[in-house]
Structures are given as structure tokens and as C-alpha cells.
Amino acid sequence: MQARRAQPFWWQSRTLRSYLTRGTVFTVLLLGSVLFLFPLIWMLSTSLKTNEQVYRVPTVWIPNPIAWE
């Protein structure tokens, strides 16, 4: 017969455990989506810039004027 290890009191509540699990999953998915969307946003922003704006430091995310070349 195995002895059960005592769990912390906050982990025994099913509702709190559910909130913590869902919050963790949501945070991981949010960070993953930002990681995958960043190159797409960078490509879209860069495609609307002139050559001078592309190499400007600091980077300008919304080009002014927009170059439709």
C-alpha cells in the first residue's frame, strides 16, 4: 500500500487548480502566438517602407509615408 503525499492546501481546491491550469495554458499559448506572429508583422511593416526606412535605427513600425512600390 502506497502512502499518499500531502498536497498543499491551495492545490486541493478543484476550482483553484482549474484556474491555475487554464491560466498557465493561456499564457503559454499567448506567448507562442506572439512568437509566431512577430515575423509576419515585421514582414508586412518592412514591405511598406522605403530602403532608407528599413535601415533606420531605431526601427519605425508604421512607415510614414507608405511606399507602394
C-alpha atoms as a PDB file:
ATOM      1  CA  MET A   1       0.000   0.000   0.000  1.00  0.00           C
ATOM      2  CA  GLN A   2       1.409   3.352  -1.022  1.00  0.00           C
ATOM      3  CA  ALA A   3       1.276   6.358   1.207  1.00  0.00           C
ATOM      4  CA  ARG A   4      -0.249   9.485  -0.303  1.00  0.00           C
ATOM      5  CA  ARG A   5       1.901  12.539  -0.194  1.00  0.00           C
ATOM      6  CA  ALA A   6       0.245  15.538   1.393  1.00  0.00           C
ATOM      7  CA  GLN A   7      -0.566  18.228  -1.166  1.00  0.00           C
ATOM      8  CA  PRO A   8      -0.535  21.932  -0.416  1.00  0.00           C
ATOM      9  CA  PHE A   9      -3.912  23.240   0.727  1.00  0.00           C
ATOM     10  CA  TRP A  10      -4.273  25.555  -2.277  1.00  0.00           C
ATOM     11  CA  TRP A  11      -3.863  22.627  -4.700  1.00  0.00           C
ATOM     12  CA  GLN A  12      -6.682  20.628  -3.093  1.00  0.00           C
ATOM     13  CA  SER A  13      -9.350  23.009  -4.349  1.00  0.00           C
ATOM     14  CA  ARG A  14     -10.515  21.803  -7.755  1.00  0.00           C
ATOM     15  CA  THR A  15     -11.647  25.282  -8.814  1.00  0.00           C
ATOM     16  CA  LEU A  16      -8.337  26.952  -7.982  1.00  0.00           C
ATOM     17  CA  ARG A  17      -6.396  24.141  -9.634  1.00  0.00           C
ATOM     18  CA  SER A  18      -8.541  24.528 -12.752  1.00  0.00           C
ATOM     19  CA  TYR A  19      -7.939  28.292 -12.851  1.00  0.00           C
ATOM     20  CA  LEU A  20      -4.190  27.856 -12.434  1.00  0.00           C
ATOM     21  CA  THR A  21      -4.016  25.194 -15.143  1.00  0.00           C
ATOM     22  CA  ARG A  22      -6.083  27.224 -17.597  1.00  0.00           C
ATOM     23  CA  GLY A  23      -4.126  30.377 -16.811  1.00  0.00           C
ATOM     24  CA  THR A  24      -0.839  28.605 -17.471  1.00  0.00           C
ATOM     25  CA  VAL A  25      -2.076  27.130 -20.754  1.00  0.00           C
ATOM     26  CA  PHE A  26      -3.446  30.517 -21.837  1.00  0.00           C
ATOM     27  CA  THR A  27      -0.132  32.237 -21.041  1.00  0.00           C
ATOM     28  CA  VAL A  28       1.891  29.654 -22.986  1.00  0.00           C
ATOM     29  CA  LEU A  29      -0.443  29.911 -25.988  1.00  0.00           C
ATOM     30  CA  LEU A  30      -0.331  33.714 -25.900  1.00  0.00           C
ATOM     31  CA  LEU A  31       3.475  33.780 -25.830  1.00  0.00           C
ATOM     32  CA  GLY A  32       3.602  31.210 -28.638  1.00  0.00           C
ATOM     33  CA  SER A  33       1.234  33.219 -30.820  1.00  0.00           C
ATOM     34  CA  VAL A  34       3.303  36.389 -30.314  1.00  0.00           C
ATOM     35  CA  LEU A  35       6.432  34.422 -31.218  1.00  0.00           C
ATOM     36  CA  PHE A  36       4.882  33.165 -34.459  1.00  0.00           C
ATOM     37  CA  LEU A  37       3.140  36.431 -35.446  1.00  0.00           C
ATOM     38  CA  PHE A  38       6.180  38.676 -34.935  1.00  0.00           C
ATOM     39  CA  PRO A  39       7.901  37.702 -38.248  1.00  0.00           C
ATOM     40  CA  LEU A  40       4.643  38.242 -40.162  1.00  0.00           C
ATOM     41  CA  ILE A  41       4.170  41.722 -38.681  1.00  0.00           C
ATOM     42  CA  TRP A  42       7.841  42.524 -39.352  1.00  0.00           C
ATOM     43  CA  MET A  43       7.478  41.409 -42.993  1.00  0.00           C
ATOM     44  CA  LEU A  44       4.310  43.450 -43.516  1.00  0.00           C
ATOM     45  CA  SER A  45       5.852  46.560 -41.943  1.00  0.00           C
ATOM     46  CA  THR A  46       9.083  46.219 -43.923  1.00  0.00           C
ATOM     47  CA  SER A  47       7.276  45.704 -47.224  1.00  0.00           C
ATOM     48  CA  LEU A  48       5.645  49.135 -46.869  1.00  0.00           C
ATOM     49  CA  LYS A  49       8.888  51.028 -46.134  1.00  0.00           C
ATOM     50  CA  THR A  50      11.411  52.727 -48.367  1.00  0.00           C
ATOM     51  CA  ASN A  51      15.006  51.472 -48.328  1.00  0.00           C
ATOM     52  CA  GLU A  52      16.052  54.320 -46.044  1.00  0.00           C
ATOM     53  CA  GLN A  53      13.313  53.476 -43.543  1.00  0.00           C
ATOM     54  CA  VAL A  54      14.233  49.788 -43.497  1.00  0.00           C
ATOM     55  CA  TYR A  55      17.766  50.502 -42.256  1.00  0.00           C
ATOM     56  CA  ARG A  56      16.850  53.330 -39.875  1.00  0.00           C
ATOM     57  CA  VAL A  57      17.727  52.906 -36.204  1.00  0.00           C
ATOM     58  CA  PRO A  58      15.571  52.869 -34.087  1.00  0.00           C
ATOM     59  CA  THR A  59      13.059  50.881 -36.092  1.00  0.00           C
ATOM     60  CA  VAL A  60       9.843  52.596 -37.112  1.00  0.00           C
ATOM     61  CA  TRP A  61       6.962  50.100 -37.097  1.00  0.00           C
ATOM     62  CA  ILE A  62       4.426  52.201 -39.004  1.00  0.00           C
ATOM     63  CA  PRO A  63       6.079  53.757 -42.060  1.00  0.00           C
ATOM     64  CA  ASN A  64       5.372  57.349 -42.956  1.00  0.00           C
ATOM     65  CA  PRO A  65       4.836  57.716 -45.900  1.00  0.00           C
ATOM     66  CA  ILE A  66       3.764  54.266 -47.012  1.00  0.00           C
ATOM     67  CA  ALA A  67       5.694  53.130 -50.090  1.00  0.00           C
ATOM     68  CA  TRP A  68       3.557  51.105 -52.522  1.00  0.00           C
ATOM     69  CA  GLU A  69       6.462  50.264 -54.826  1.00  0.00           C
END
